[in-house]
Amino acid sequence: MSSEFRGIEVFGPAPRRRARQARRVRRSRLGLVSVLAGIVTVAATSTGIATSMASDFATGILLAYLATGTSVVAVLCGAASVVTGRGRRLGVIAIALGVLASPPVLTRLLDWASGLG
């Protein structure tokens, strides 16, 4: 079925074609990066504590600095992933790991706990 419009032939309605399903792109990369930073925070904190207990204080201090930096990255990237919706669950996990495994937070918690007993 065709119609004319000012001397130009316009085609009638085109047959419907089904669009191909686009491959779903993972949108949770930011959440994944934040969880990885949280895992690095936990690993650096626990390794730093173990090396400090073995009287290697210089390495323990460096690992504490590394853990502090990665905990900041984990919390900020986790918050960004929660806000933007790119891996919200992973972002919440990363925030929890980043806060709880952070050396300054652990120092405050241990100081508070030492006053209890």
C-alpha atoms as a PDB file:
ATOM      1  CA  MET A   1       0.000   0.000   0.000  1.00  0.00           C
ATOM      2  CA  SER A   2       1.545   3.286  -1.000  1.00  0.00           C
ATOM      3  CA  SER A   3       0.390   6.858  -0.944  1.00  0.00           C
ATOM      4  CA  GLU A   4       1.513  10.031  -2.579  1.00  0.00           C
ATOM      5  CA  PHE A   5       2.610  13.209  -0.876  1.00  0.00           C
ATOM      6  CA  ARG A   6       3.316  16.249  -3.075  1.00  0.00           C
ATOM      7  CA  GLY A   7       4.271  14.114  -5.992  1.00  0.00           C
ATOM      8  CA  ILE A   8       6.644  11.925  -4.015  1.00  0.00           C
ATOM      9  CA  GLU A   9       5.703   8.368  -3.405  1.00  0.00           C
ATOM     10  CA  VAL A  10       5.877   7.451   0.267  1.00  0.00           C
ATOM     11  CA  PHE A  11       6.047   3.848   1.251  1.00  0.00           C
ATOM     12  CA  GLY A  12       3.328   2.344   3.345  1.00  0.00           C
ATOM     13  CA  PRO A  13       3.924   0.796   6.711  1.00  0.00           C
ATOM     14  CA  ALA A  14       6.979  -1.431   6.740  1.00  0.00           C
ATOM     15  CA  PRO A  15       6.664  -4.966   7.968  1.00  0.00           C
ATOM     16  CA  ARG A  16       7.655  -5.313  11.626  1.00  0.00           C
ATOM     17  CA  ARG A  17      11.030  -6.811  12.210  1.00  0.00           C
ATOM     18  CA  ARG A  18      12.127  -8.188  15.501  1.00  0.00           C
ATOM     19  CA  ALA A  19      15.198  -6.621  16.952  1.00  0.00           C
ATOM     20  CA  ARG A  20      17.954  -8.968  17.925  1.00  0.00           C
ATOM     21  CA  GLN A  21      18.566  -9.271  21.622  1.00  0.00           C
ATOM     22  CA  ALA A  22      21.671  -7.310  22.469  1.00  0.00           C
ATOM     23  CA  ARG A  23      24.153  -9.087  24.624  1.00  0.00           C
ATOM     24  CA  ARG A  24      23.807  -7.916  28.172  1.00  0.00           C
ATOM     25  CA  VAL A  25      26.877  -5.974  29.150  1.00  0.00           C
ATOM     26  CA  ARG A  26      27.950  -6.392  32.723  1.00  0.00           C
ATOM     27  CA  ARG A  27      27.187  -3.180  34.503  1.00  0.00           C
ATOM     28  CA  SER A  28      28.700  -4.274  37.769  1.00  0.00           C
ATOM     29  CA  ARG A  29      32.350  -3.584  36.957  1.00  0.00           C
ATOM     30  CA  LEU A  30      32.517  -0.712  39.413  1.00  0.00           C
ATOM     31  CA  GLY A  31      31.111  -2.908  42.166  1.00  0.00           C
ATOM     32  CA  LEU A  32      33.577  -5.635  41.261  1.00  0.00           C
ATOM     33  CA  VAL A  33      36.511  -3.214  41.446  1.00  0.00           C
ATOM     34  CA  SER A  34      35.325  -1.984  44.821  1.00  0.00           C
ATOM     35  CA  VAL A  35      35.010  -5.523  46.217  1.00  0.00           C
ATOM     36  CA  LEU A  36      38.494  -6.347  44.953  1.00  0.00           C
ATOM     37  CA  ALA A  37      39.801  -3.258  46.739  1.00  0.00           C
ATOM     38  CA  GLY A  38      38.006  -4.424  49.884  1.00  0.00           C
ATOM     39  CA  ILE A  39      39.604  -7.859  49.608  1.00  0.00           C
ATOM     40  CA  VAL A  40      43.033  -6.264  49.164  1.00  0.00           C
ATOM     41  CA  THR A  41      42.304  -4.198  52.285  1.00  0.00           C
ATOM     42  CA  VAL A  42      41.522  -7.299  54.317  1.00  0.00           C
ATOM     43  CA  ALA A  43      44.593  -9.113  52.991  1.00  0.00           C
ATOM     44  CA  ALA A  44      46.929  -6.174  53.613  1.00  0.00           C
ATOM     45  CA  THR A  45      45.566  -5.611  57.114  1.00  0.00           C
ATOM     46  CA  SER A  46      45.842  -9.247  58.153  1.00  0.00           C
ATOM     47  CA  THR A  47      49.304  -9.616  56.614  1.00  0.00           C
ATOM     48  CA  GLY A  48      50.426  -6.382  58.266  1.00  0.00           C
ATOM     49  CA  ILE A  49      49.230  -7.595  61.645  1.00  0.00           C
ATOM     50  CA  ALA A  50      50.993 -10.940  61.152  1.00  0.00           C
ATOM     51  CA  THR A  51      54.280  -9.316  60.137  1.00  0.00           C
ATOM     52  CA  SER A  52      54.098  -6.874  63.026  1.00  0.00           C
ATOM     53  CA  MET A  53      53.550  -9.747  65.431  1.00  0.00           C
ATOM     54  CA  ALA A  54      56.715 -11.311  63.999  1.00  0.00           C
ATOM     55  CA  SER A  55      58.642  -8.101  64.896  1.00  0.00           C
ATOM     56  CA  ASP A  56      58.956  -6.862  61.312  1.00  0.00           C
ATOM     57  CA  PHE A  57      57.557  -3.441  62.066  1.00  0.00           C
ATOM     58  CA  ALA A  58      58.742  -1.632  58.923  1.00  0.00           C
ATOM     59  CA  THR A  59      56.850  -4.038  56.679  1.00  0.00           C
ATOM     60  CA  GLY A  60      53.830  -3.915  58.984  1.00  0.00           C
ATOM     61  CA  ILE A  61      53.733  -0.116  58.772  1.00  0.00           C
ATOM     62  CA  LEU A  62      53.949  -0.180  54.977  1.00  0.00           C
ATOM     63  CA  LEU A  63      51.150  -2.726  54.807  1.00  0.00           C
ATOM     64  CA  ALA A  64      49.064  -0.573  57.142  1.00  0.00           C
ATOM     65  CA  TYR A  65      49.508   2.375  54.771  1.00  0.00           C
ATOM     66  CA  LEU A  66      48.553   0.148  51.835  1.00  0.00           C
ATOM     67  CA  ALA A  67      45.487  -1.108  53.685  1.00  0.00           C
ATOM     68  CA  THR A  68      44.433   2.427  54.588  1.00  0.00           C
ATOM     69  CA  GLY A  69      44.704   3.576  50.975  1.00  0.00           C
ATOM     70  CA  THR A  70      42.853   0.605  49.551  1.00  0.00           C
ATOM     71  CA  SER A  71      40.138   0.932  52.189  1.00  0.00           C
ATOM     72  CA  VAL A  72      39.528   4.504  51.023  1.00  0.00           C
ATOM     73  CA  VAL A  73      39.325   3.267  47.422  1.00  0.00           C
ATOM     74  CA  ALA A  74      36.967   0.447  48.434  1.00  0.00           C
ATOM     75  CA  VAL A  75      34.622   2.773  50.318  1.00  0.00           C
ATOM     76  CA  LEU A  76      34.566   5.465  47.624  1.00  0.00           C
ATOM     77  CA  CYS A  77      34.123   3.036  44.725  1.00  0.00           C
ATOM     78  CA  GLY A  78      31.547   1.088  46.737  1.00  0.00           C
ATOM     79  CA  ALA A  79      29.583   4.253  47.421  1.00  0.00           C
ATOM     80  CA  ALA A  80      29.772   5.209  43.751  1.00  0.00           C
ATOM     81  CA  SER A  81      28.539   1.778  42.684  1.00  0.00           C
ATOM     82  CA  VAL A  82      25.625   1.956  45.133  1.00  0.00           C
ATOM     83  CA  VAL A  83      24.637   5.432  43.982  1.00  0.00           C
ATOM     84  CA  THR A  84      24.935   4.717  40.254  1.00  0.00           C
ATOM     85  CA  GLY A  85      23.399   1.255  40.433  1.00  0.00           C
ATOM     86  CA  ARG A  86      26.416  -0.511  38.981  1.00  0.00           C
ATOM     87  CA  GLY A  87      26.742  -3.492  41.268  1.00  0.00           C
ATOM     88  CA  ARG A  88      24.862  -2.298  44.337  1.00  0.00           C
ATOM     89  CA  ARG A  89      25.247  -5.494  46.317  1.00  0.00           C
ATOM     90  CA  LEU A  90      28.955  -5.623  45.594  1.00  0.00           C
ATOM     91  CA  GLY A  91      29.224  -1.965  46.561  1.00  0.00           C
ATOM     92  CA  VAL A  92      27.618  -2.577  49.941  1.00  0.00           C
ATOM     93  CA  ILE A  93      29.969  -5.495  50.575  1.00  0.00           C
ATOM     94  CA  ALA A  94      32.936  -3.340  49.580  1.00  0.00           C
ATOM     95  CA  ILE A  95      31.893  -0.537  51.923  1.00  0.00           C
ATOM     96  CA  ALA A  96      31.606  -3.002  54.793  1.00  0.00           C
ATOM     97  CA  LEU A  97      35.009  -4.543  54.024  1.00  0.00           C
ATOM     98  CA  GLY A  98      36.657  -1.165  53.554  1.00  0.00           C
ATOM     99  CA  VAL A  99      35.349   0.240  56.817  1.00  0.00           C
ATOM    100  CA  LEU A 100      35.807  -2.803  59.030  1.00  0.00           C
ATOM    101  CA  ALA A 101      39.284  -3.754  57.781  1.00  0.00           C
ATOM    102  CA  SER A 102      40.684  -0.233  57.793  1.00  0.00           C
ATOM    103  CA  PRO A 103      43.654   0.084  60.192  1.00  0.00           C
ATOM    104  CA  PRO A 104      42.476   3.403  61.701  1.00  0.00           C
ATOM    105  CA  VAL A 105      39.061   1.908  62.448  1.00  0.00           C
ATOM    106  CA  LEU A 106      40.646  -1.246  63.863  1.00  0.00           C
ATOM    107  CA  THR A 107      42.888   0.878  66.068  1.00  0.00           C
ATOM    108  CA  ARG A 108      39.893   2.765  67.459  1.00  0.00           C
ATOM    109  CA  LEU A 109      37.942  -0.451  67.995  1.00  0.00           C
ATOM    110  CA  LEU A 110      40.848  -2.121  69.789  1.00  0.00           C
ATOM    111  CA  ASP A 111      41.387   0.967  71.934  1.00  0.00           C
ATOM    112  CA  TRP A 112      37.711   0.949  72.888  1.00  0.00           C
ATOM    113  CA  ALA A 113      37.730  -2.809  73.536  1.00  0.00           C
ATOM    114  CA  SER A 114      40.809  -2.576  75.755  1.00  0.00           C
ATOM    115  CA  GLY A 115      38.903  -0.292  78.110  1.00  0.00           C
ATOM    116  CA  LEU A 116      36.112  -2.826  78.548  1.00  0.00           C
ATOM    117  CA  GLY A 117      38.106  -5.426  80.449  1.00  0.00           C
END
